[in-house]
Amino acid sequence: MVSAQPHRVGAELWGQLEPNAGLIILEGSSRKYPYIDAEALVWGGAGATQLGSSDNDATFEALVMTIKVRDPRGVSDTRLGRFMLSTGAVRAMHIDGGHLMLRARSKTHFEVFGGVPVDGNIEGRKYDWMVGGRVSQGLGNKGMIGASYYNRFNAGQRSAAEAGGAAALRGASWVDPSAKISWELVNPGLAEVLGTISAQTASRVIRGELYVTKRSPTRMLQSTSLFTVLGDPGTLAAGGNLRWRAAPRLDLWVNGALQDAQDDFGWSGYLRGVLRLDDDGKGSILGELRRQQVATSSWTGLRLASVIPLYEDHDTTVGLMPEFEIIFPDHPEPNQGNVWPWGRLALRWQPTKSWAVAAAVEASANQIERYDVRALARVSYQGQWPKK
């Protein structure tokens, strides 16, 4: 009997209104040739004034377009094309280039990478390039250690360079320390420091973590939720969090941290609870109370979110996902309002194992916009051929 060798393909289409933008994600693989994968992510938008286009103009750009080749024996991995490079302790970068990993029997990994950093101004990339590498050593069930380095040139001149190291160790079955540090070489100074140590009880009912982080402001990435947008004003933070499985379906978290922003120390913390509505966790309710008092960013916030299964029968599922946040700033400006709400309502429908459709409406008011309403839709497909 000859077994089928199906090829797999995945596709997702995202669309948003105001501003008009879309995202196409394509993935492909084959069991007959399991050492080759392909992936593409293409962004498109119309009337994007921030990109200098008018209402009738449409812009498309490949954010990711890669081919991945794996050695059948697991000795090497190669990635070519446009991708996000994130390796070791050095900063992540968006590049057109390649990434090669070699694995030795001693659990030593060697990585080399290089290419041209992605920039919207294509004409300005003629003499812009970067190259780097990483070496890491696995320590069996005790963890790993590694060191990485990159060098970047802009217009033919060295513009940035970093060296860093990372380690994750397991001193005992109940404790896990890890650390990461990177140093900027062109303008000498710390780029990022991250240290954590976590421990849990044998039953895993209680888990705690202590951490310290310090980051260059250039490493801060914007997020969508108001809590995450407003909750990261500082470059130095030290604190801890504790998770308690209070019941088989109920998890509770408490977090507290000291933060530094603009040479002014402050603090932040939150209380969070997640109640699972079924044993599989398909439905849940989340509640969170958060307080931040750091420099010019002082506020109290409340967050409620839920995943509600509405229907399930064989391969068909329907789910509703409401989410709501509200911020009470301590000292709002006269034209900013005393309350900043943010809400999103999403509906997901999966008629078969292959197809899924989701749509969401998001509305908010914050310190910049009196009101902002957006709509988002997603269609995805996962299939294989020939059919079994």
Protein backbone atom coordinates (compact mmCIF):
# COMPACT_ATOMS: atom_id res chain seq x y z
CA MET A 1 0.00 0.00 0.00
CA VAL A 2 1.39 3.36 -1.01
CA SER A 3 0.72 6.21 1.41
CA ALA A 4 -0.08 9.71 0.17
CA GLN A 5 2.51 12.46 0.51
CA PRO A 6 0.30 15.54 1.01
CA HIS A 7 1.46 19.06 0.37
CA ARG A 8 0.26 21.67 2.84
CA VAL A 9 -0.66 25.26 2.16
CA GLY A 10 -1.90 27.97 4.49
CA ALA A 11 -3.30 31.39 3.60
CA GLU A 12 -4.60 34.27 5.70
CA LEU A 13 -6.08 37.57 4.58
CA TRP A 14 -6.44 40.48 7.02
CA GLY A 15 -8.24 43.70 6.19
CA GLN A 16 -8.75 46.93 8.15
CA LEU A 17 -10.80 50.08 7.58
CA GLU A 18 -9.66 53.60 8.57
CA PRO A 19 -6.87 53.52 7.68
CA ASN A 20 -7.43 51.14 4.79
CA ALA A 21 -4.82 48.42 5.09
CA GLY A 22 -4.50 44.70 4.51
CA LEU A 23 -2.17 41.80 5.17
CA ILE A 24 -1.73 38.58 3.18
CA ILE A 25 0.06 35.61 4.80
CA LEU A 26 1.01 32.54 2.74
CA GLU A 27 2.76 29.37 3.95
CA GLY A 28 3.64 26.18 2.14
CA SER A 29 5.31 22.86 2.98
CA SER A 30 5.46 19.30 1.69
CA ARG A 31 5.80 15.96 3.44
CA LYS A 32 7.42 14.61 0.30
CA TYR A 33 10.09 17.29 0.62
CA PRO A 34 9.94 18.05 4.37
CA TYR A 35 13.18 20.01 4.30
CA ILE A 36 11.74 22.94 2.30
CA ASP A 37 9.25 25.55 3.56
CA ALA A 38 8.12 28.83 2.04
CA GLU A 39 6.47 31.82 3.68
CA ALA A 40 5.27 35.23 2.49
CA LEU A 41 3.65 38.15 4.28
CA VAL A 42 2.55 41.09 2.12
CA TRP A 43 1.18 44.39 3.43
CA GLY A 44 -1.01 46.66 1.36
CA GLY A 45 -2.71 49.98 2.02
CA ALA A 46 -4.60 52.80 0.31
CA GLY A 47 -4.77 56.45 1.28
CA ALA A 48 -1.93 56.07 3.77
CA THR A 49 -1.02 59.73 4.24
CA GLN A 50 1.85 58.79 6.56
CA LEU A 51 3.43 57.11 3.51
CA GLY A 52 2.77 60.10 1.27
CA SER A 53 -0.05 58.50 -0.78
CA SER A 54 -3.42 59.99 -1.65
CA ASP A 55 -6.88 58.42 -1.32
CA ASN A 56 -6.61 56.84 -4.75
CA ASP A 57 -3.10 55.45 -4.29
CA ALA A 58 -2.42 51.89 -3.19
CA THR A 59 0.89 50.68 -1.77
CA PHE A 60 2.07 47.07 -1.44
CA GLU A 61 5.21 45.79 0.25
CA ALA A 62 6.51 42.35 1.17
CA LEU A 63 7.20 42.29 4.90
CA VAL A 64 8.34 38.66 4.84
CA MET A 65 9.21 36.47 1.86
CA THR A 66 11.46 33.54 2.69
CA ILE A 67 12.49 30.05 1.69
CA LYS A 68 13.68 27.77 4.49
CA VAL A 69 15.83 24.74 3.71
CA ARG A 70 16.62 22.14 6.39
CA ASP A 71 19.18 19.40 6.11
CA PRO A 72 17.38 16.01 6.36
CA ARG A 73 19.89 14.95 9.03
CA GLY A 74 19.22 18.09 11.10
CA VAL A 75 22.76 19.40 10.68
CA SER A 76 21.88 22.77 9.13
CA ASP A 77 19.04 25.25 8.58
CA THR A 78 19.17 27.95 5.90
CA ARG A 79 16.80 30.88 5.48
CA LEU A 80 16.93 33.19 2.45
CA GLY A 81 14.83 36.22 1.53
CA ARG A 82 13.22 38.99 3.58
CA PHE A 83 12.58 38.19 7.24
CA MET A 84 12.80 39.38 10.83
CA LEU A 85 16.18 38.40 12.23
CA SER A 86 16.01 37.69 15.95
CA THR A 87 18.93 35.75 17.32
CA GLY A 88 20.57 35.73 20.71
CA ALA A 89 21.03 38.90 22.73
CA VAL A 90 21.52 41.42 19.89
CA ARG A 91 18.62 43.48 18.64
CA ALA A 92 16.09 42.15 16.15
CA MET A 93 16.30 43.52 12.59
CA HIS A 94 14.27 43.42 9.40
CA ILE A 95 16.63 42.39 6.58
CA ASP A 96 16.92 41.15 3.01
CA GLY A 97 19.56 38.45 3.26
CA GLY A 98 20.34 35.05 4.66
CA HIS A 99 20.68 33.14 7.91
CA LEU A 100 22.60 29.86 8.26
CA MET A 101 22.70 27.61 11.32
CA LEU A 102 25.02 24.62 11.76
CA ARG A 103 24.61 22.06 14.55
CA ALA A 104 27.46 19.94 15.89
CA ARG A 105 27.06 16.65 17.74
CA SER A 106 28.41 18.34 20.84
CA LYS A 107 25.20 20.47 20.89
CA THR A 108 27.19 23.48 19.73
CA HIS A 109 25.31 25.73 17.31
CA PHE A 110 27.03 28.12 14.89
CA GLU A 111 25.02 30.87 13.18
CA VAL A 112 26.01 33.42 10.55
CA PHE A 113 23.70 36.04 9.07
CA GLY A 114 23.93 39.07 6.85
CA GLY A 115 22.14 41.21 4.31
CA VAL A 116 20.66 44.63 3.68
CA PRO A 117 18.42 46.16 6.39
CA VAL A 118 14.94 46.88 5.05
CA ASP A 119 14.26 50.58 4.58
CA GLY A 120 11.34 52.33 2.91
CA ASN A 121 13.81 54.49 1.00
CA ILE A 122 15.18 51.90 -1.46
CA GLU A 123 17.56 54.38 -3.08
CA GLY A 124 19.28 54.92 0.26
CA ARG A 125 20.29 51.27 0.70
CA LYS A 126 23.11 51.12 -1.85
CA TYR A 127 25.86 51.02 0.80
CA ASP A 128 23.72 49.85 3.74
CA TRP A 129 24.44 46.33 4.96
CA MET A 130 24.99 44.24 8.09
CA VAL A 131 26.70 40.99 9.06
CA GLY A 132 26.96 39.01 12.27
CA GLY A 133 27.01 35.65 13.97
CA ARG A 134 26.21 33.67 17.08
CA VAL A 135 27.69 30.68 18.92
CA SER A 136 25.69 28.77 21.52
CA GLN A 137 26.28 25.66 23.57
CA GLY A 138 23.59 23.36 24.85
CA LEU A 139 24.11 22.01 28.36
CA GLY A 140 21.73 19.09 28.13
CA ASN A 141 18.88 19.40 30.62
CA LYS A 142 20.88 22.08 32.47
CA GLY A 143 20.21 24.85 29.91
CA MET A 144 22.28 26.76 27.34
CA ILE A 145 24.73 29.65 26.95
CA GLY A 146 25.49 31.76 23.88
CA ALA A 147 27.22 34.86 22.53
CA SER A 148 26.29 36.97 19.49
CA TYR A 149 27.60 39.93 17.52
CA TYR A 150 26.56 42.11 14.57
CA ASN A 151 28.05 45.01 12.64
CA ARG A 152 26.01 47.44 10.53
CA PHE A 153 27.09 49.97 7.91
CA ASN A 154 25.00 52.85 6.62
CA ALA A 155 26.06 54.66 3.43
CA GLY A 156 29.39 52.88 3.70
CA GLN A 157 30.05 54.06 7.27
CA ARG A 158 29.87 51.91 10.39
CA SER A 159 26.66 53.03 12.10
CA ALA A 160 25.93 50.37 14.73
CA ALA A 161 27.48 47.32 16.34
CA GLU A 162 26.46 45.17 19.28
CA ALA A 163 27.87 42.24 21.21
CA GLY A 164 25.82 40.25 23.66
CA GLY A 165 25.48 37.10 25.66
CA ALA A 166 22.58 35.01 26.91
CA ALA A 167 22.24 32.10 29.30
CA ALA A 168 19.37 29.97 30.55
CA LEU A 169 20.16 27.53 33.34
CA ARG A 170 18.28 25.04 35.42
CA GLY A 171 19.88 24.78 38.82
CA ALA A 172 17.20 22.46 40.19
CA SER A 173 13.89 20.97 39.13
CA TRP A 174 12.00 23.87 40.73
CA VAL A 175 14.11 26.93 39.80
CA ASP A 176 15.01 28.46 36.40
CA PRO A 177 17.41 31.47 36.16
CA SER A 178 18.14 33.23 32.86
CA ALA A 179 20.00 36.35 31.78
CA LYS A 180 20.68 38.39 28.65
CA ILE A 181 22.95 41.40 28.15
CA SER A 182 23.98 43.36 25.06
CA TRP A 183 26.50 46.19 24.68
CA GLU A 184 26.48 48.92 22.04
CA LEU A 185 29.99 49.29 20.57
CA VAL A 186 29.74 52.37 18.29
CA ASN A 187 28.26 54.55 21.04
CA PRO A 188 29.51 52.52 24.02
CA GLY A 189 26.85 51.67 26.56
CA LEU A 190 24.30 49.10 27.62
CA ALA A 191 21.70 48.36 24.96
CA GLU A 192 19.64 45.85 26.93
CA VAL A 193 19.82 43.86 30.15
CA LEU A 194 17.34 41.18 31.18
CA GLY A 195 17.62 38.92 34.20
CA THR A 196 14.98 36.59 35.61
CA ILE A 197 14.79 33.86 38.19
CA SER A 198 11.63 31.82 38.56
CA ALA A 199 10.60 29.04 40.93
CA GLN A 200 7.54 26.88 41.45
CA THR A 201 6.22 24.35 43.89
CA ALA A 202 6.35 20.65 43.04
CA SER A 203 2.61 20.66 42.38
CA ARG A 204 2.95 23.77 40.15
CA VAL A 205 0.15 25.44 42.08
CA ILE A 206 2.32 28.48 42.88
CA ARG A 207 4.94 30.01 40.59
CA GLY A 208 6.94 33.16 41.28
CA GLU A 209 9.42 35.23 39.31
CA LEU A 210 11.85 38.06 40.04
CA TYR A 211 13.17 40.15 37.13
CA VAL A 212 15.19 43.21 36.21
CA THR A 213 15.28 44.86 32.78
CA LYS A 214 17.03 47.84 31.25
CA ARG A 215 16.52 48.81 27.62
CA SER A 216 17.59 51.52 25.24
CA PRO A 217 14.54 53.61 24.19
CA THR A 218 15.18 52.57 20.56
CA ARG A 219 14.20 49.00 21.51
CA MET A 220 10.71 49.87 22.67
CA LEU A 221 8.01 48.68 20.29
CA GLN A 222 4.52 50.14 20.14
CA SER A 223 1.58 47.86 20.94
CA THR A 224 -2.17 47.98 20.37
CA SER A 225 -3.70 47.74 23.84
CA LEU A 226 -3.83 50.98 25.83
CA PHE A 227 -2.36 49.11 28.80
CA THR A 228 0.76 48.17 26.85
CA VAL A 229 1.06 51.50 25.01
CA LEU A 230 0.91 53.55 28.20
CA GLY A 231 2.57 50.98 30.45
CA ASP A 232 6.15 51.13 29.17
CA PRO A 233 7.49 54.66 29.73
CA GLY A 234 10.71 53.68 31.50
CA THR A 235 14.00 52.12 30.47
CA LEU A 236 14.69 50.44 33.84
CA ALA A 237 12.37 48.12 35.73
CA ALA A 238 12.78 45.66 38.58
CA GLY A 239 10.05 43.63 40.19
CA GLY A 240 8.34 40.33 40.55
CA ASN A 241 5.13 38.47 39.87
CA LEU A 242 3.34 35.58 41.49
CA ARG A 243 0.85 33.16 39.93
CA TRP A 244 -1.47 31.04 42.05
CA ARG A 245 -3.67 28.28 40.67
CA ALA A 246 -6.43 28.92 43.17
CA ALA A 247 -8.76 26.31 41.64
CA PRO A 248 -8.56 23.85 38.75
CA ARG A 249 -10.05 26.48 36.41
CA LEU A 250 -8.94 29.70 38.18
CA ASP A 251 -5.50 31.36 37.97
CA LEU A 252 -4.60 34.52 39.90
CA TRP A 253 -1.61 36.84 39.29
CA VAL A 254 -0.10 39.68 41.30
CA ASN A 255 2.71 41.85 39.93
CA GLY A 256 4.73 44.78 41.23
CA ALA A 257 7.71 46.65 39.80
CA LEU A 258 9.84 49.73 40.33
CA GLN A 259 10.43 51.74 37.15
CA ASP A 260 12.69 54.60 36.11
CA ALA A 261 11.65 57.14 33.52
CA GLN A 262 13.34 60.47 32.83
CA ASP A 263 15.48 60.05 35.98
CA ASP A 264 12.34 59.78 38.09
CA PHE A 265 11.48 56.55 39.92
CA GLY A 266 7.96 55.25 40.17
CA TRP A 267 6.08 51.98 40.42
CA SER A 268 3.50 49.86 38.67
CA GLY A 269 1.52 46.75 39.46
CA TYR A 270 -1.55 44.74 38.65
CA LEU A 271 -3.96 42.10 39.94
CA ARG A 272 -5.25 39.66 37.33
CA GLY A 273 -7.56 36.66 37.33
CA VAL A 274 -8.45 34.18 34.58
CA LEU A 275 -11.40 31.82 34.95
CA ARG A 276 -11.61 29.00 32.40
CA LEU A 277 -15.19 28.07 31.52
CA ASP A 278 -14.40 24.48 30.57
CA ASP A 279 -11.72 21.87 31.19
CA ASP A 280 -10.10 22.45 27.77
CA GLY A 281 -9.85 26.22 28.26
CA LYS A 282 -11.84 27.01 25.09
CA GLY A 283 -13.84 29.61 27.00
CA SER A 284 -12.47 32.05 29.59
CA ILE A 285 -13.06 35.30 31.48
CA LEU A 286 -10.22 37.68 32.35
CA GLY A 287 -10.30 40.57 34.78
CA GLU A 288 -7.41 42.93 35.58
CA LEU A 289 -6.86 45.96 37.78
CA ARG A 290 -3.69 47.94 37.02
CA ARG A 291 -1.99 50.93 38.60
CA GLN A 292 0.97 52.90 37.23
CA GLN A 293 2.68 55.92 38.80
CA VAL A 294 5.83 56.72 36.84
CA ALA A 295 6.97 60.28 36.02
CA THR A 296 4.35 61.88 33.73
CA SER A 297 2.45 58.59 33.23
CA SER A 298 0.20 58.06 36.24
CA TRP A 299 -3.09 56.26 35.82
CA THR A 300 -5.42 53.51 37.02
CA GLY A 301 -6.86 50.99 34.59
CA LEU A 302 -9.46 48.24 34.46
CA ARG A 303 -9.54 45.47 31.85
CA LEU A 304 -12.20 42.85 31.13
CA ALA A 305 -11.93 40.24 28.38
CA SER A 306 -13.66 37.00 27.53
CA VAL A 307 -13.70 34.13 25.05
CA ILE A 308 -17.24 32.77 24.70
CA PRO A 309 -17.89 29.59 22.67
CA LEU A 310 -21.32 30.07 21.09
CA TYR A 311 -21.56 26.87 19.05
CA GLU A 312 -19.55 23.71 18.50
CA ASP A 313 -20.49 20.72 16.37
CA HIS A 314 -17.94 18.42 14.71
CA ASP A 315 -15.68 20.74 12.68
CA THR A 316 -17.85 23.86 13.06
CA THR A 317 -17.23 26.35 15.85
CA VAL A 318 -18.45 29.89 16.57
CA GLY A 319 -16.86 32.08 19.22
CA LEU A 320 -17.37 35.62 20.55
CA MET A 321 -14.46 37.62 22.01
CA PRO A 322 -15.32 40.91 23.75
CA GLU A 323 -12.58 43.00 25.36
CA PHE A 324 -12.77 46.31 27.20
CA GLU A 325 -10.25 48.61 28.87
CA ILE A 326 -10.73 51.91 30.64
CA ILE A 327 -7.99 54.29 31.82
CA PHE A 328 -8.43 56.94 34.54
CA PRO A 329 -5.46 59.36 34.18
CA ASP A 330 -4.35 61.24 37.28
CA HIS A 331 -3.63 64.54 35.56
CA PRO A 332 -5.21 64.76 32.09
CA GLU A 333 -4.79 67.87 29.97
CA PRO A 334 -7.93 70.06 29.59
CA ASN A 335 -8.66 68.78 26.09
CA GLN A 336 -7.88 65.09 26.76
CA GLY A 337 -10.89 64.01 28.80
CA ASN A 338 -10.98 62.39 32.22
CA VAL A 339 -11.56 58.81 30.99
CA TRP A 340 -9.94 56.94 28.10
CA PRO A 341 -11.92 53.85 27.06
CA TRP A 342 -10.88 51.17 24.59
CA GLY A 343 -13.01 48.27 23.40
CA ARG A 344 -13.04 45.50 20.83
CA LEU A 345 -15.68 42.96 19.84
CA ALA A 346 -14.63 40.03 17.69
CA LEU A 347 -16.55 37.10 16.20
CA ARG A 348 -14.85 33.95 14.89
CA TRP A 349 -16.53 31.31 12.70
CA GLN A 350 -14.82 28.09 11.64
CA PRO A 351 -17.15 26.15 9.32
CA THR A 352 -14.62 23.40 8.55
CA LYS A 353 -11.15 22.30 9.66
CA SER A 354 -9.70 24.18 6.69
CA TRP A 355 -11.56 27.51 6.72
CA ALA A 356 -11.89 30.18 9.43
CA VAL A 357 -13.44 33.65 9.29
CA ALA A 358 -13.18 36.38 11.93
CA ALA A 359 -14.27 40.01 12.15
CA ALA A 360 -13.76 42.67 14.82
CA VAL A 361 -14.71 46.28 15.56
CA GLU A 362 -12.43 48.39 17.76
CA ALA A 363 -13.24 51.79 19.27
CA SER A 364 -11.23 53.99 21.62
CA ALA A 365 -10.60 57.46 22.98
CA ASN A 366 -7.25 58.45 24.43
CA GLN A 367 -4.86 61.33 25.08
CA ILE A 368 -4.39 61.89 21.32
CA GLU A 369 -7.75 61.08 19.67
CA ARG A 370 -11.21 62.09 20.91
CA TYR A 371 -12.54 58.95 19.22
CA ASP A 372 -11.11 56.29 16.91
CA VAL A 373 -13.14 53.48 15.31
CA ARG A 374 -11.65 50.67 13.23
CA ALA A 375 -12.91 47.46 11.67
CA LEU A 376 -10.80 44.36 11.02
CA ALA A 377 -11.57 41.12 9.18
CA ARG A 378 -9.61 37.89 8.73
CA VAL A 379 -10.06 34.91 6.42
CA SER A 380 -7.73 31.90 6.69
CA TYR A 381 -7.36 28.54 4.95
CA GLN A 382 -5.26 25.50 5.85
CA GLY A 383 -5.35 22.59 3.40
CA GLN A 384 -3.45 19.65 1.99
CA TRP A 385 -3.43 17.69 -1.23
CA PRO A 386 -3.90 15.12 -2.52
CA LYS A 387 -6.83 14.43 -0.24
CA LYS A 388 -6.64 11.30 1.86
